[in-house]
Amino acid sequence: MIEFTSKSKYVIAALWDFLTSKTGAFIIGVSAIAVGWYQFYISRPILKYDTETLNFISSQNENDYKVQVKGKEYKDLYQTRVYLYNVGASALSGSDVSKPGHDPIRLVVPKEAGMVHYTLDNTATTDAITAKINPVNDELVLDFDYLNPDYQIAVSVLHENPSDDIKITGSALNVNEITREWNDKDLKFWGLWGLGLLYFILVAVYIFHHRDRKFFHWLENMKK
């Protein structure tokens, strides 16, 4: 049988008072909502995209090589690699993607970029994926069998002018939007620190307003 000392009784009583207070109930409620939202959010297929661009060749440099695409020589050319990721916990089947004419998953390259060539980049696409690019009405539709969690598809685009507007868009079952990828570690870091700071402030305010309780007198006596 566990016997509680007077000090432990004070601690338990103070903890109970805190948990049953409005502040404690608020913290518990916010924590439950945050955990529930995260579990619901991550349980679905979640599509993100990212891009990286390099100046493939520039007329401002003294180049010892030439670049020809389909027989035409280019003195200024940019290469943008576009990645499509599934960062959720469920796989996305290609049969669940919106069909052409509706809202298919597609690569959007603005006309001002001056696209010269595109290709599925097999060096950066997950080996287990069967994928291809289907040009449909001036759109580059991505066709794939399955996009499992942590799998990615990469497309390489050559274009004459720099552009920050090359992106992937579209929808599928349980996927309403494809957004640019954020660093997941940074997102979790700032989210946890934000909640931690909120909880710290709430607990500090609670202690300030209840500093006349016996438990806090006991804490002061312990410091002496």
Protein backbone atom coordinates (compact mmCIF):
# COMPACT_ATOMS: atom_id res chain seq x y z
CA MET A 1 0.00 0.00 0.00
CA ILE A 2 1.37 3.43 -0.98
CA GLU A 3 1.57 5.98 1.81
CA PHE A 4 1.72 9.66 0.95
CA THR A 5 3.68 12.15 3.02
CA SER A 6 2.33 15.61 3.72
CA LYS A 7 4.63 17.04 1.03
CA SER A 8 3.46 14.57 -1.60
CA LYS A 9 -0.15 15.29 -0.67
CA TYR A 10 0.47 18.98 -1.29
CA VAL A 11 1.99 18.18 -4.67
CA ILE A 12 -0.88 15.90 -5.69
CA ALA A 13 -3.48 18.42 -4.48
CA ALA A 14 -1.79 21.26 -6.34
CA LEU A 15 -1.49 19.17 -9.50
CA TRP A 16 -5.14 18.18 -9.27
CA ASP A 17 -6.18 21.81 -8.75
CA PHE A 18 -4.17 22.78 -11.80
CA LEU A 19 -5.56 20.04 -14.06
CA THR A 20 -9.16 20.83 -13.04
CA SER A 21 -8.67 24.58 -13.43
CA LYS A 22 -9.63 26.49 -16.57
CA THR A 23 -5.96 26.78 -17.50
CA GLY A 24 -5.34 23.04 -17.13
CA ALA A 25 -8.51 22.18 -19.05
CA PHE A 26 -7.49 24.59 -21.82
CA ILE A 27 -4.02 23.04 -22.13
CA ILE A 28 -5.46 19.51 -22.20
CA GLY A 29 -8.05 20.55 -24.79
CA VAL A 30 -5.51 22.27 -27.05
CA SER A 31 -3.15 19.28 -26.79
CA ALA A 32 -5.93 16.84 -27.70
CA ILE A 33 -6.99 18.96 -30.69
CA ALA A 34 -3.37 19.31 -31.89
CA VAL A 35 -2.69 15.57 -31.63
CA GLY A 36 -6.01 14.68 -33.27
CA TRP A 37 -5.51 17.15 -36.10
CA TYR A 38 -1.99 15.89 -36.76
CA GLN A 39 -3.12 12.25 -36.79
CA PHE A 40 -5.94 13.08 -39.22
CA TYR A 41 -3.67 15.24 -41.39
CA ILE A 42 -0.85 12.72 -41.70
CA SER A 43 -3.12 9.69 -42.24
CA ARG A 44 -4.03 10.81 -45.79
CA PRO A 45 -1.93 11.01 -48.96
CA ILE A 46 -0.33 14.45 -48.80
CA LEU A 47 1.26 15.74 -52.00
CA LYS A 48 3.97 18.40 -51.91
CA TYR A 49 6.27 19.70 -54.61
CA ASP A 50 9.58 21.50 -54.70
CA THR A 51 11.85 22.93 -57.42
CA GLU A 52 15.53 23.57 -57.94
CA THR A 53 16.91 25.63 -60.84
CA LEU A 54 20.39 26.04 -62.28
CA ASN A 55 21.76 28.10 -65.14
CA PHE A 56 22.59 25.29 -67.55
CA ILE A 57 24.50 27.50 -69.98
CA SER A 58 24.94 31.27 -70.21
CA SER A 59 26.09 33.48 -73.08
CA GLN A 60 27.85 35.66 -70.50
CA ASN A 61 30.40 32.90 -69.90
CA GLU A 62 33.21 31.67 -72.11
CA ASN A 63 31.86 28.21 -72.83
CA ASP A 64 33.92 25.45 -74.40
CA TYR A 65 30.79 23.51 -75.21
CA LYS A 66 27.53 23.98 -77.08
CA VAL A 67 24.03 22.90 -76.15
CA GLN A 68 21.69 21.64 -78.85
CA VAL A 69 18.12 20.49 -78.30
CA LYS A 70 16.35 18.89 -81.24
CA GLY A 71 18.95 20.32 -83.60
CA LYS A 72 18.71 23.90 -82.35
CA GLU A 73 21.62 25.51 -80.50
CA TYR A 74 20.96 27.52 -77.34
CA LYS A 75 23.37 30.02 -75.80
CA ASP A 76 21.19 30.66 -72.72
CA LEU A 77 19.38 27.78 -71.06
CA TYR A 78 18.06 27.00 -67.59
CA GLN A 79 17.27 23.62 -66.08
CA THR A 80 14.57 23.26 -63.44
CA ARG A 81 14.03 19.97 -61.68
CA VAL A 82 10.55 19.63 -60.17
CA TYR A 83 9.86 17.08 -57.44
CA LEU A 84 6.51 15.62 -56.43
CA TYR A 85 6.46 13.96 -52.98
CA ASN A 86 3.95 11.98 -50.96
CA VAL A 87 4.64 13.05 -47.37
CA GLY A 88 1.50 11.46 -45.93
CA ALA A 89 0.98 8.00 -44.43
CA SER A 90 -1.22 6.52 -47.19
CA ALA A 91 -0.40 5.61 -50.79
CA LEU A 92 -2.06 7.41 -53.69
CA SER A 93 -3.22 5.30 -56.61
CA GLY A 94 -2.97 6.77 -60.08
CA SER A 95 -6.56 5.65 -60.70
CA ASP A 96 -7.72 8.03 -57.94
CA VAL A 97 -6.23 11.10 -59.64
CA SER A 98 -8.55 13.56 -61.37
CA LYS A 99 -8.75 12.91 -65.10
CA PRO A 100 -7.58 15.23 -67.90
CA GLY A 101 -10.17 17.90 -68.52
CA HIS A 102 -10.97 18.14 -64.81
CA ASP A 103 -8.04 18.71 -62.47
CA PRO A 104 -5.28 16.17 -63.21
CA ILE A 105 -1.91 16.24 -61.48
CA ARG A 106 0.17 18.21 -63.95
CA LEU A 107 3.28 20.29 -64.38
CA VAL A 108 2.63 23.95 -65.11
CA VAL A 109 5.33 25.85 -67.03
CA PRO A 110 4.48 29.50 -67.81
CA LYS A 111 4.87 30.55 -71.43
CA GLU A 112 7.35 33.29 -70.53
CA ALA A 113 9.77 30.59 -69.32
CA GLY A 114 10.18 29.48 -72.93
CA MET A 115 10.17 25.72 -72.36
CA VAL A 116 12.52 23.91 -74.72
CA HIS A 117 12.40 20.33 -73.49
CA TYR A 118 11.00 18.19 -70.66
CA THR A 119 11.60 14.67 -69.47
CA LEU A 120 10.84 12.36 -66.59
CA ASP A 121 14.06 12.42 -64.57
CA ASN A 122 14.73 8.77 -63.76
CA THR A 123 17.87 9.68 -61.81
CA ALA A 124 15.72 11.33 -59.11
CA THR A 125 12.45 9.37 -59.44
CA THR A 126 11.88 6.47 -57.04
CA ASP A 127 12.76 3.24 -58.87
CA ALA A 128 9.60 1.44 -57.76
CA ILE A 129 7.32 3.95 -59.50
CA THR A 130 6.02 3.42 -63.03
CA ALA A 131 5.45 6.93 -64.34
CA LYS A 132 5.33 8.94 -67.55
CA ILE A 133 4.43 12.40 -68.83
CA ASN A 134 1.42 12.81 -71.10
CA PRO A 135 1.08 16.16 -72.93
CA VAL A 136 -2.65 16.98 -72.97
CA ASN A 137 -3.85 20.33 -74.35
CA ASP A 138 -0.57 22.11 -73.58
CA GLU A 139 -0.47 20.55 -70.10
CA LEU A 140 2.14 18.06 -68.91
CA VAL A 141 0.02 15.49 -67.07
CA LEU A 142 1.82 13.13 -64.70
CA ASP A 143 0.63 9.54 -65.08
CA PHE A 144 1.76 7.00 -62.46
CA ASP A 145 0.65 3.72 -60.91
CA TYR A 146 1.19 4.37 -57.19
CA LEU A 147 2.82 7.11 -55.17
CA ASN A 148 3.60 5.52 -51.84
CA PRO A 149 4.65 7.44 -48.71
CA ASP A 150 8.16 8.92 -49.07
CA TYR A 151 8.17 8.18 -52.83
CA GLN A 152 8.92 10.94 -55.32
CA ILE A 153 8.60 11.74 -59.01
CA ALA A 154 11.03 14.16 -60.64
CA VAL A 155 10.65 16.04 -63.92
CA SER A 156 13.48 17.96 -65.59
CA VAL A 157 12.57 21.03 -67.65
CA LEU A 158 14.88 23.02 -69.95
CA HIS A 159 13.77 26.61 -70.55
CA GLU A 160 15.25 29.77 -72.07
CA ASN A 161 14.22 32.28 -69.41
CA PRO A 162 14.41 32.08 -65.59
CA SER A 163 11.07 31.50 -63.88
CA ASP A 164 9.90 31.00 -60.29
CA ASP A 165 6.39 30.01 -61.37
CA ILE A 166 7.05 26.43 -62.50
CA LYS A 167 4.92 24.24 -60.25
CA ILE A 168 2.81 21.11 -59.89
CA THR A 169 -0.93 21.38 -59.36
CA GLY A 170 -4.01 19.14 -59.46
CA SER A 171 -6.20 17.03 -57.19
CA ALA A 172 -7.05 13.43 -56.36
CA LEU A 173 -9.08 11.37 -53.91
CA ASN A 174 -8.47 12.86 -50.44
CA VAL A 175 -6.04 15.36 -52.00
CA ASN A 176 -7.56 18.78 -52.62
CA GLU A 177 -4.38 20.74 -53.17
CA ILE A 178 -0.69 20.27 -53.92
CA THR A 179 1.44 22.80 -52.07
CA ARG A 180 5.13 23.63 -51.97
CA GLU A 181 7.16 21.47 -49.64
CA TRP A 182 8.25 22.83 -46.28
CA ASN A 183 11.04 21.31 -44.25
CA ASP A 184 9.14 18.83 -42.05
CA LYS A 185 11.70 19.04 -39.25
CA ASP A 186 11.49 22.83 -39.15
CA LEU A 187 7.69 22.68 -39.15
CA LYS A 188 7.61 20.28 -36.20
CA PHE A 189 10.32 22.25 -34.39
CA TRP A 190 8.51 25.58 -34.56
CA GLY A 191 5.13 23.98 -33.87
CA LEU A 192 6.34 22.27 -30.70
CA TRP A 193 8.23 25.33 -29.53
CA GLY A 194 5.16 27.48 -30.16
CA LEU A 195 2.95 25.20 -28.09
CA GLY A 196 5.63 24.95 -25.41
CA LEU A 197 5.86 28.74 -25.14
CA LEU A 198 2.07 29.03 -24.93
CA TYR A 199 1.92 26.40 -22.18
CA PHE A 200 4.76 28.09 -20.27
CA ILE A 201 2.95 31.44 -20.32
CA LEU A 202 -0.33 29.85 -19.21
CA VAL A 203 1.33 27.97 -16.34
CA ALA A 204 3.22 31.12 -15.26
CA VAL A 205 -0.02 33.12 -15.21
CA TYR A 206 -1.74 30.34 -13.26
CA ILE A 207 1.06 30.26 -10.65
CA PHE A 208 0.97 34.05 -10.34
CA HIS A 209 -2.78 34.08 -9.65
CA HIS A 210 -2.59 31.15 -7.21
CA ARG A 211 0.60 32.10 -5.37
CA ASP A 212 -1.32 32.44 -2.06
CA ARG A 213 -2.21 28.71 -2.00
CA LYS A 214 -0.68 26.42 0.62
CA PHE A 215 1.33 24.54 -1.96
CA PHE A 216 3.15 27.64 -3.10
CA HIS A 217 3.84 28.60 0.51
CA TRP A 218 5.34 25.16 0.91
CA LEU A 219 7.52 25.72 -2.18
CA GLU A 220 8.78 28.98 -0.72
CA ASN A 221 9.60 27.25 2.55
CA MET A 222 11.49 24.52 0.65
CA LYS A 223 13.78 27.17 -0.85
CA LYS A 224 14.72 28.49 2.59
